[in-house]
Amino acid sequence: YPHAEFPYSWLADENRKRGKESPEFELVDTG
């Protein structure tokens, strides 16, 4: 469980923008 605010919107928004050929945007990718 992260100390910082959990990036709910960021995860949803970024993955929604990516196409099937792109890698998934994971929680660890947010830093």
Full PDB file with SEQRES, HELIX, SHEET, SSBOND, CRYST1, ORIGX, SCALE, CONECT and MASTER records, all heavy atoms in Angstrom:
SEQRES   1 A   31  TYR PRO HIS ALA GLU PHE PRO TYR SER TRP LEU ALA ASP          
SEQRES   2 A   31  GLU ASN ARG LYS ARG GLY LYS GLU SER PRO GLU PHE GLU          
SEQRES   3 A   31  LEU VAL ASP THR GLY                                          
HELIX    1 AA1 TYR A    8  LYS A   17  1                                  10    
HELIX    2 AA2 LEU A   27  THR A   30  5                                   4    
CRYST1    1.000    1.000    1.000  90.00  90.00  90.00 P 1           1          
ORIGX1      1.000000  0.000000  0.000000        0.00000                         
ORIGX2      0.000000  1.000000  0.000000        0.00000                         
ORIGX3      0.000000  0.000000  1.000000        0.00000                         
SCALE1      1.000000  0.000000  0.000000        0.00000                         
SCALE2      0.000000  1.000000  0.000000        0.00000                         
SCALE3      0.000000  0.000000  1.000000        0.00000                         
ATOM      1  N   TYR A   1       0.843  -1.194   0.000  1.00  0.00           N  
ATOM      2  CA  TYR A   1       0.000   0.000   0.000  1.00  0.00           C  
ATOM      3  C   TYR A   1       0.878   1.243   0.000  1.00  0.00           C  
ATOM      4  O   TYR A   1       1.671   1.457   0.925  1.00  0.00           O  
ATOM      5  CB  TYR A   1      -0.903  -0.022   1.229  1.00  0.00           C  
ATOM      6  CG  TYR A   1      -1.966   1.057   1.262  1.00  0.00           C  
ATOM      7  CD1 TYR A   1      -2.655   1.437   0.115  1.00  0.00           C  
ATOM      8  CD2 TYR A   1      -2.304   1.683   2.457  1.00  0.00           C  
ATOM      9  CE1 TYR A   1      -3.636   2.419   0.155  1.00  0.00           C  
ATOM     10  CE2 TYR A   1      -3.291   2.656   2.511  1.00  0.00           C  
ATOM     11  CZ  TYR A   1      -3.946   3.018   1.350  1.00  0.00           C  
ATOM     12  OH  TYR A   1      -4.925   3.993   1.386  1.00  0.00           O  
ATOM     13  N   PRO A   2       0.773   2.104  -1.011  1.00  0.00           N  
ATOM     14  CA  PRO A   2       1.642   3.292  -1.097  1.00  0.00           C  
ATOM     15  C   PRO A   2       1.368   4.305   0.014  1.00  0.00           C  
ATOM     16  O   PRO A   2       0.251   4.416   0.523  1.00  0.00           O  
ATOM     17  CB  PRO A   2       1.290   3.882  -2.470  1.00  0.00           C  
ATOM     18  CG  PRO A   2       0.594   2.794  -3.217  1.00  0.00           C  
ATOM     19  CD  PRO A   2      -0.094   1.965  -2.187  1.00  0.00           C  
ATOM     20  N   HIS A   3       2.410   5.063   0.356  1.00  0.00           N  
ATOM     21  CA  HIS A   3       2.245   6.202   1.264  1.00  0.00           C  
ATOM     22  C   HIS A   3       1.480   7.333   0.567  1.00  0.00           C  
ATOM     23  O   HIS A   3       0.671   8.028   1.189  1.00  0.00           O  
ATOM     24  CB  HIS A   3       3.611   6.765   1.688  1.00  0.00           C  
ATOM     25  CG  HIS A   3       4.381   5.854   2.591  1.00  0.00           C  
ATOM     26  ND1 HIS A   3       5.660   6.132   2.994  1.00  0.00           N  
ATOM     27  CD2 HIS A   3       4.061   4.673   3.176  1.00  0.00           C  
ATOM     28  CE1 HIS A   3       6.103   5.169   3.788  1.00  0.00           C  
ATOM     29  NE2 HIS A   3       5.148   4.264   3.907  1.00  0.00           N  
ATOM     30  N   ALA A   4       1.760   7.543  -0.718  1.00  0.00           N  
ATOM     31  CA  ALA A   4       1.166   8.651  -1.467  1.00  0.00           C  
ATOM     32  C   ALA A   4      -0.253   8.288  -1.916  1.00  0.00           C  
ATOM     33  O   ALA A   4      -0.670   7.125  -1.873  1.00  0.00           O  
ATOM     34  CB  ALA A   4       2.032   8.982  -2.683  1.00  0.00           C  
ATOM     35  N   GLU A   5      -0.985   9.289  -2.365  1.00  0.00           N  
ATOM     36  CA  GLU A   5      -2.348   9.077  -2.837  1.00  0.00           C  
ATOM     37  C   GLU A   5      -2.372   8.090  -3.996  1.00  0.00           C  
ATOM     38  O   GLU A   5      -1.607   8.214  -4.961  1.00  0.00           O  
ATOM     39  CB  GLU A   5      -2.976  10.401  -3.280  1.00  0.00           C  
ATOM     40  CG  GLU A   5      -4.408  10.264  -3.784  1.00  0.00           C  
ATOM     41  CD  GLU A   5      -5.019  11.586  -4.178  1.00  0.00           C  
ATOM     42  OE1 GLU A   5      -4.507  12.639  -3.723  1.00  0.00           O  
ATOM     43  OE2 GLU A   5      -6.010  11.571  -4.943  1.00  0.00           O  
ATOM     44  N   PHE A   6      -3.245   7.119  -3.914  1.00  0.00           N  
ATOM     45  CA  PHE A   6      -3.347   6.087  -4.945  1.00  0.00           C  
ATOM     46  C   PHE A   6      -3.846   6.719  -6.254  1.00  0.00           C  
ATOM     47  O   PHE A   6      -4.859   7.434  -6.256  1.00  0.00           O  
ATOM     48  CB  PHE A   6      -4.309   4.989  -4.495  1.00  0.00           C  
ATOM     49  CG  PHE A   6      -4.213   3.727  -5.304  1.00  0.00           C  
ATOM     50  CD1 PHE A   6      -3.347   2.714  -4.930  1.00  0.00           C  
ATOM     51  CD2 PHE A   6      -4.985   3.552  -6.446  1.00  0.00           C  
ATOM     52  CE1 PHE A   6      -3.250   1.545  -5.676  1.00  0.00           C  
ATOM     53  CE2 PHE A   6      -4.896   2.397  -7.194  1.00  0.00           C  
ATOM     54  CZ  PHE A   6      -4.021   1.391  -6.811  1.00  0.00           C  
ATOM     55  N   PRO A   7      -3.165   6.483  -7.390  1.00  0.00           N  
ATOM     56  CA  PRO A   7      -3.471   7.197  -8.639  1.00  0.00           C  
ATOM     57  C   PRO A   7      -4.612   6.570  -9.432  1.00  0.00           C  
ATOM     58  O   PRO A   7      -4.429   6.123 -10.572  1.00  0.00           O  
ATOM     59  CB  PRO A   7      -2.139   7.110  -9.402  1.00  0.00           C  
ATOM     60  CG  PRO A   7      -1.556   5.803  -8.956  1.00  0.00           C  
ATOM     61  CD  PRO A   7      -1.958   5.640  -7.513  1.00  0.00           C  
ATOM     62  N   TYR A   8      -5.796   6.552  -8.860  1.00  0.00           N  
ATOM     63  CA  TYR A   8      -6.943   5.928  -9.516  1.00  0.00           C  
ATOM     64  C   TYR A   8      -7.183   6.510 -10.911  1.00  0.00           C  
ATOM     65  O   TYR A   8      -7.242   5.776 -11.914  1.00  0.00           O  
ATOM     66  CB  TYR A   8      -8.210   6.112  -8.663  1.00  0.00           C  
ATOM     67  CG  TYR A   8      -8.223   5.357  -7.365  1.00  0.00           C  
ATOM     68  CD1 TYR A   8      -8.053   6.014  -6.145  1.00  0.00           C  
ATOM     69  CD2 TYR A   8      -8.426   3.981  -7.338  1.00  0.00           C  
ATOM     70  CE1 TYR A   8      -8.074   5.325  -4.943  1.00  0.00           C  
ATOM     71  CE2 TYR A   8      -8.452   3.283  -6.147  1.00  0.00           C  
ATOM     72  CZ  TYR A   8      -8.273   3.958  -4.954  1.00  0.00           C  
ATOM     73  OH  TYR A   8      -8.296   3.258  -3.755  1.00  0.00           O  
ATOM     74  N   SER A   9      -7.349   7.815 -10.994  1.00  0.00           N  
ATOM     75  CA  SER A   9      -7.686   8.450 -12.270  1.00  0.00           C  
ATOM     76  C   SER A   9      -6.559   8.326 -13.279  1.00  0.00           C  
ATOM     77  O   SER A   9      -6.791   8.085 -14.472  1.00  0.00           O  
ATOM     78  CB  SER A   9      -8.030   9.928 -12.056  1.00  0.00           C  
ATOM     79  OG  SER A   9      -9.150  10.069 -11.218  1.00  0.00           O  
ATOM     80  N   TRP A  10      -5.330   8.491 -12.831  1.00  0.00           N  
ATOM     81  CA  TRP A  10      -4.180   8.412 -13.729  1.00  0.00           C  
ATOM     82  C   TRP A  10      -4.102   7.047 -14.404  1.00  0.00           C  
ATOM     83  O   TRP A  10      -3.898   6.934 -15.610  1.00  0.00           O  
ATOM     84  CB  TRP A  10      -2.901   8.697 -12.933  1.00  0.00           C  
ATOM     85  CG  TRP A  10      -1.664   8.873 -13.784  1.00  0.00           C  
ATOM     86  CD1 TRP A  10      -1.579   8.919 -15.143  1.00  0.00           C  
ATOM     87  CD2 TRP A  10      -0.331   9.023 -13.297  1.00  0.00           C  
ATOM     88  NE1 TRP A  10      -0.284   9.087 -15.540  1.00  0.00           N  
ATOM     89  CE2 TRP A  10       0.504   9.155 -14.433  1.00  0.00           C  
ATOM     90  CE3 TRP A  10       0.238   9.075 -12.025  1.00  0.00           C  
ATOM     91  CZ2 TRP A  10       1.894   9.321 -14.317  1.00  0.00           C  
ATOM     92  CZ3 TRP A  10       1.602   9.249 -11.921  1.00  0.00           C  
ATOM     93  CH2 TRP A  10       2.426   9.363 -13.050  1.00  0.00           C  
ATOM     94  N   LEU A  11      -4.286   5.981 -13.623  1.00  0.00           N  
ATOM     95  CA  LEU A  11      -4.242   4.629 -14.176  1.00  0.00           C  
ATOM     96  C   LEU A  11      -5.335   4.415 -15.220  1.00  0.00           C  
ATOM     97  O   LEU A  11      -5.092   3.860 -16.296  1.00  0.00           O  
ATOM     98  CB  LEU A  11      -4.379   3.603 -13.049  1.00  0.00           C  
ATOM     99  CG  LEU A  11      -3.178   3.457 -12.116  1.00  0.00           C  
ATOM    100  CD1 LEU A  11      -3.555   2.683 -10.872  1.00  0.00           C  
ATOM    101  CD2 LEU A  11      -2.022   2.763 -12.836  1.00  0.00           C  
ATOM    102  N   ALA A  12      -6.539   4.875 -14.899  1.00  0.00           N  
ATOM    103  CA  ALA A  12      -7.650   4.693 -15.839  1.00  0.00           C  
ATOM    104  C   ALA A  12      -7.468   5.537 -17.094  1.00  0.00           C  
ATOM    105  O   ALA A  12      -7.643   5.046 -18.225  1.00  0.00           O  
ATOM    106  CB  ALA A  12      -8.970   5.031 -15.148  1.00  0.00           C  
ATOM    107  N   ASP A  13      -7.098   6.790 -16.917  1.00  0.00           N  
ATOM    108  CA  ASP A  13      -6.974   7.696 -18.062  1.00  0.00           C  
ATOM    109  C   ASP A  13      -5.855   7.259 -19.008  1.00  0.00           C  
ATOM    110  O   ASP A  13      -6.023   7.245 -20.233  1.00  0.00           O  
ATOM    111  CB  ASP A  13      -6.723   9.127 -17.585  1.00  0.00           C  
ATOM    112  CG  ASP A  13      -7.915   9.718 -16.848  1.00  0.00           C  
ATOM    113  OD1 ASP A  13      -9.017   9.161 -16.993  1.00  0.00           O  
ATOM    114  OD2 ASP A  13      -7.731  10.718 -16.131  1.00  0.00           O  
ATOM    115  N   GLU A  14      -4.715   6.907 -18.457  1.00  0.00           N  
ATOM    116  CA  GLU A  14      -3.563   6.550 -19.297  1.00  0.00           C  
ATOM    117  C   GLU A  14      -3.815   5.251 -20.065  1.00  0.00           C  
ATOM    118  O   GLU A  14      -3.502   5.152 -21.253  1.00  0.00           O  
ATOM    119  CB  GLU A  14      -2.312   6.430 -18.435  1.00  0.00           C  
ATOM    120  CG  GLU A  14      -1.046   6.062 -19.198  1.00  0.00           C  
ATOM    121  CD  GLU A  14      -0.651   7.102 -20.234  1.00  0.00           C  
ATOM    122  OE1 GLU A  14      -0.939   8.302 -20.016  1.00  0.00           O  
ATOM    123  OE2 GLU A  14      -0.056   6.716 -21.259  1.00  0.00           O  
ATOM    124  N   ASN A  15      -4.380   4.267 -19.407  1.00  0.00           N  
ATOM    125  CA  ASN A  15      -4.636   3.001 -20.102  1.00  0.00           C  
ATOM    126  C   ASN A  15      -5.742   3.143 -21.134  1.00  0.00           C  
ATOM    127  O   ASN A  15      -5.718   2.475 -22.176  1.00  0.00           O  
ATOM    128  CB  ASN A  15      -4.982   1.909 -19.092  1.00  0.00           C  
ATOM    129  CG  ASN A  15      -3.743   1.328 -18.429  1.00  0.00           C  
ATOM    130  OD1 ASN A  15      -3.033   0.520 -19.015  1.00  0.00           O  
ATOM    131  ND2 ASN A  15      -3.485   1.754 -17.198  1.00  0.00           N  
ATOM    132  N   ARG A  16      -6.701   4.021 -20.860  1.00  0.00           N  
ATOM    133  CA  ARG A  16      -7.785   4.242 -21.825  1.00  0.00           C  
ATOM    134  C   ARG A  16      -7.244   4.857 -23.117  1.00  0.00           C  
ATOM    135  O   ARG A  16      -7.768   4.602 -24.208  1.00  0.00           O  
ATOM    136  CB  ARG A  16      -8.849   5.143 -21.199  1.00  0.00           C  
ATOM    137  CG  ARG A  16     -10.179   5.143 -21.963  1.00  0.00           C  
ATOM    138  CD  ARG A  16     -11.179   6.091 -21.328  1.00  0.00           C  
ATOM    139  NE  ARG A  16     -11.607   5.629 -20.022  1.00  0.00           N  
ATOM    140  CZ  ARG A  16     -11.334   6.244 -18.875  1.00  0.00           C  
ATOM    141  NH1 ARG A  16     -10.603   7.350 -18.882  1.00  0.00           N  
ATOM    142  NH2 ARG A  16     -11.781   5.767 -17.735  1.00  0.00           N  
ATOM    143  N   LYS A  17      -6.182   5.643 -23.005  1.00  0.00           N  
ATOM    144  CA  LYS A  17      -5.610   6.297 -24.179  1.00  0.00           C  
ATOM    145  C   LYS A  17      -4.759   5.356 -25.023  1.00  0.00           C  
ATOM    146  O   LYS A  17      -4.562   5.591 -26.215  1.00  0.00           O  
ATOM    147  CB  LYS A  17      -4.735   7.483 -23.742  1.00  0.00           C  
ATOM    148  CG  LYS A  17      -5.510   8.651 -23.159  1.00  0.00           C  
ATOM    149  CD  LYS A  17      -4.616   9.861 -22.959  1.00  0.00           C  
ATOM    150  CE  LYS A  17      -3.485   9.574 -22.002  1.00  0.00           C  
ATOM    151  NZ  LYS A  17      -2.678  10.791 -21.702  1.00  0.00           N  
ATOM    152  N   ARG A  18      -4.236   4.296 -24.413  1.00  0.00           N  
ATOM    153  CA  ARG A  18      -3.293   3.433 -25.113  1.00  0.00           C  
ATOM    154  C   ARG A  18      -4.016   2.404 -25.987  1.00  0.00           C  
ATOM    155  O   ARG A  18      -5.086   1.915 -25.629  1.00  0.00           O  
ATOM    156  CB  ARG A  18      -2.388   2.715 -24.116  1.00  0.00           C  
ATOM    157  CG  ARG A  18      -1.513   3.670 -23.314  1.00  0.00           C  
ATOM    158  CD  ARG A  18      -0.472   2.932 -22.513  1.00  0.00           C  
ATOM    159  NE  ARG A  18       0.397   3.849 -21.794  1.00  0.00           N  
ATOM    160  CZ  ARG A  18       1.551   3.494 -21.227  1.00  0.00           C  
ATOM    161  NH1 ARG A  18       1.970   2.240 -21.289  1.00  0.00           N  
ATOM    162  NH2 ARG A  18       2.282   4.394 -20.599  1.00  0.00           N  
ATOM    163  N   GLY A  19      -3.402   2.072 -27.104  1.00  0.00           N  
ATOM    164  CA  GLY A  19      -3.950   1.054 -27.989  1.00  0.00           C  
ATOM    165  C   GLY A  19      -3.485  -0.336 -27.605  1.00  0.00           C  
ATOM    166  O   GLY A  19      -2.629  -0.509 -26.730  1.00  0.00           O  
ATOM    167  N   LYS A  20      -4.037  -1.330 -28.289  1.00  0.00           N  
ATOM    168  CA  LYS A  20      -3.707  -2.721 -27.968  1.00  0.00           C  
ATOM    169  C   LYS A  20      -2.241  -3.043 -28.219  1.00  0.00           C  
ATOM    170  O   LYS A  20      -1.679  -3.960 -27.629  1.00  0.00           O  
ATOM    171  CB  LYS A  20      -4.600  -3.667 -28.781  1.00  0.00           C  
ATOM    172  CG  LYS A  20      -6.054  -3.671 -28.336  1.00  0.00           C  
ATOM    173  CD  LYS A  20      -6.874  -4.676 -29.134  1.00  0.00           C  
ATOM    174  CE  LYS A  20      -8.283  -4.815 -28.574  1.00  0.00           C  
ATOM    175  NZ  LYS A  20      -9.041  -3.575 -28.607  1.00  0.00           N  
ATOM    176  N   GLU A  21      -1.609  -2.306 -29.141  1.00  0.00           N  
ATOM    177  CA  GLU A  21      -0.205  -2.580 -29.448  1.00  0.00           C  
ATOM    178  C   GLU A  21       0.740  -1.992 -28.405  1.00  0.00           C  
ATOM    179  O   GLU A  21       1.938  -2.306 -28.383  1.00  0.00           O  
ATOM    180  CB  GLU A  21       0.146  -2.015 -30.825  1.00  0.00           C  
ATOM    181  CG  GLU A  21       0.239  -0.493 -30.916  1.00  0.00           C  
ATOM    182  CD  GLU A  21      -1.092   0.232 -30.866  1.00  0.00           C  
ATOM    183  OE1 GLU A  21      -2.143  -0.458 -30.942  1.00  0.00           O  
ATOM    184  OE2 GLU A  21      -1.102   1.477 -30.755  1.00  0.00           O  
ATOM    185  N   SER A  22       0.241  -1.163 -27.503  1.00  0.00           N  
ATOM    186  CA  SER A  22       1.081  -0.520 -26.492  1.00  0.00           C  
ATOM    187  C   SER A  22       1.098  -1.340 -25.204  1.00  0.00           C  
ATOM    188  O   SER A  22       0.142  -2.072 -24.902  1.00  0.00           O  
ATOM    189  CB  SER A  22       0.553   0.889 -26.181  1.00  0.00           C  
ATOM    190  OG  SER A  22       0.548   1.696 -27.338  1.00  0.00           O  
ATOM    191  N   PRO A  23       2.156  -1.222 -24.425  1.00  0.00           N  
ATOM    192  CA  PRO A  23       2.173  -1.905 -23.121  1.00  0.00           C  
ATOM    193  C   PRO A  23       1.167  -1.275 -22.168  1.00  0.00           C  
ATOM    194  O   PRO A  23       0.754  -0.134 -22.353  1.00  0.00           O  
ATOM    195  CB  PRO A  23       3.608  -1.700 -22.635  1.00  0.00           C  
ATOM    196  CG  PRO A  23       4.067  -0.459 -23.332  1.00  0.00           C  
ATOM    197  CD  PRO A  23       3.401  -0.470 -24.671  1.00  0.00           C  
ATOM    198  N   GLU A  24       0.784  -2.030 -21.154  1.00  0.00           N  
ATOM    199  CA  GLU A  24      -0.127  -1.499 -20.148  1.00  0.00           C  
ATOM    200  C   GLU A  24       0.617  -0.515 -19.238  1.00  0.00           C  
ATOM    201  O   GLU A  24       1.811  -0.628 -19.036  1.00  0.00           O  
ATOM    202  CB  GLU A  24      -0.708  -2.644 -19.316  1.00  0.00           C  
ATOM    203  CG  GLU A  24      -1.561  -3.606 -20.121  1.00  0.00           C  
ATOM    204  CD  GLU A  24      -1.908  -4.861 -19.348  1.00  0.00           C  
ATOM    205  OE1 GLU A  24      -1.692  -4.874 -18.116  1.00  0.00           O  
ATOM    206  OE2 GLU A  24      -2.373  -5.830 -19.967  1.00  0.00           O  
ATOM    207  N   PHE A  25      -0.109   0.417 -18.716  1.00  0.00           N  
ATOM    208  CA  PHE A  25       0.427   1.373 -17.747  1.00  0.00           C  
ATOM    209  C   PHE A  25       0.110   0.827 -16.364  1.00  0.00           C  
ATOM    210  O   PHE A  25      -1.045   0.757 -15.946  1.00  0.00           O  
ATOM    211  CB  PHE A  25      -0.220   2.747 -17.961  1.00  0.00           C  
ATOM    212  CG  PHE A  25       0.326   3.828 -17.073  1.00  0.00           C  
ATOM    213  CD1 PHE A  25       1.648   4.228 -17.169  1.00  0.00           C  
ATOM    214  CD2 PHE A  25      -0.492   4.468 -16.151  1.00  0.00           C  
ATOM    215  CE1 PHE A  25       2.161   5.238 -16.355  1.00  0.00           C  
ATOM    216  CE2 PHE A  25      -0.008   5.478 -15.343  1.00  0.00           C  
ATOM    217  CZ  PHE A  25       1.333   5.863 -15.449  1.00  0.00           C  
ATOM    218  N   GLU A  26       1.167   0.406 -15.661  1.00  0.00           N  
ATOM    219  CA  GLU A  26       0.991  -0.280 -14.396  1.00  0.00           C  
ATOM    220  C   GLU A  26       1.177   0.667 -13.216  1.00  0.00           C  
ATOM    221  O   GLU A  26       1.735   1.760 -13.347  1.00  0.00           O  
ATOM    222  CB  GLU A  26       1.977  -1.448 -14.290  1.00  0.00           C  
ATOM    223  CG  GLU A  26       1.892  -2.450 -15.421  1.00  0.00           C  
ATOM    224  CD  GLU A  26       0.613  -3.283 -15.405  1.00  0.00           C  
ATOM    225  OE1 GLU A  26      -0.284  -3.009 -14.572  1.00  0.00           O  
ATOM    226  OE2 GLU A  26       0.498  -4.192 -16.237  1.00  0.00           O  
ATOM    227  N   LEU A  27       0.769   0.206 -12.054  1.00  0.00           N  
ATOM    228  CA  LEU A  27       0.895   1.005 -10.837  1.00  0.00           C  
ATOM    229  C   LEU A  27       2.353   1.381 -10.577  1.00  0.00           C  
ATOM    230  O   LEU A  27       2.650   2.516 -10.195  1.00  0.00           O  
ATOM    231  CB  LEU A  27       0.314   0.235  -9.650  1.00  0.00           C  
ATOM    232  CG  LEU A  27       0.345   0.918  -8.284  1.00  0.00           C  
ATOM    233  CD1 LEU A  27      -0.412   2.237  -8.314  1.00  0.00           C  
ATOM    234  CD2 LEU A  27      -0.245   0.000  -7.214  1.00  0.00           C  
ATOM    235  N   VAL A  28       3.271   0.463 -10.812  1.00  0.00           N  
ATOM    236  CA  VAL A  28       4.683   0.747 -10.557  1.00  0.00           C  
ATOM    237  C   VAL A  28       5.219   1.813 -11.512  1.00  0.00           C  
ATOM    238  O   VAL A  28       6.176   2.533 -11.183  1.00  0.00           O  
ATOM    239  CB  VAL A  28       5.514  -0.554 -10.646  1.00  0.00           C  
ATOM    240  CG1 VAL A  28       5.609  -1.052 -12.087  1.00  0.00           C  
ATOM    241  CG2 VAL A  28       6.891  -0.378 -10.027  1.00  0.00           C  
ATOM    242  N   ASP A  29       4.592   1.952 -12.697  1.00  0.00           N  
ATOM    243  CA  ASP A  29       5.035   2.951 -13.674  1.00  0.00           C  
ATOM    244  C   ASP A  29       4.758   4.380 -13.213  1.00  0.00           C  
ATOM    245  O   ASP A  29       5.331   5.326 -13.748  1.00  0.00           O  
ATOM    246  CB  ASP A  29       4.351   2.718 -15.030  1.00  0.00           C  
ATOM    247  CG  ASP A  29       4.726   1.385 -15.643  1.00  0.00           C  
ATOM    248  OD1 ASP A  29       5.867   0.927 -15.416  1.00  0.00           O  
ATOM    249  OD2 ASP A  29       3.881   0.789 -16.345  1.00  0.00           O  
ATOM    250  N   THR A  30       3.887   4.550 -12.246  1.00  0.00           N  
ATOM    251  CA  THR A  30       3.577   5.888 -11.742  1.00  0.00           C  
ATOM    252  C   THR A  30       4.673   6.424 -10.824  1.00  0.00           C  
ATOM    253  O   THR A  30       4.657   7.604 -10.464  1.00  0.00           O  
ATOM    254  CB  THR A  30       2.249   5.880 -10.962  1.00  0.00           C  
ATOM    255  OG1 THR A  30       2.405   5.106  -9.754  1.00  0.00           O  
ATOM    256  CG2 THR A  30       1.118   5.293 -11.807  1.00  0.00           C  
ATOM    257  N   GLY A  31       5.591   5.560 -10.416  1.00  0.00           N  
ATOM    258  CA  GLY A  31       6.642   5.974  -9.489  1.00  0.00           C  
ATOM    259  C   GLY A  31       6.209   6.017  -8.043  1.00  0.00           C  
ATOM    260  O   GLY A  31       6.956   6.498  -7.179  1.00  0.00           O  
TER     261      GLY A  31                                                      
MASTER        0    0    0    2    0    0    0    6  260    1    0    3          
END                                                                             
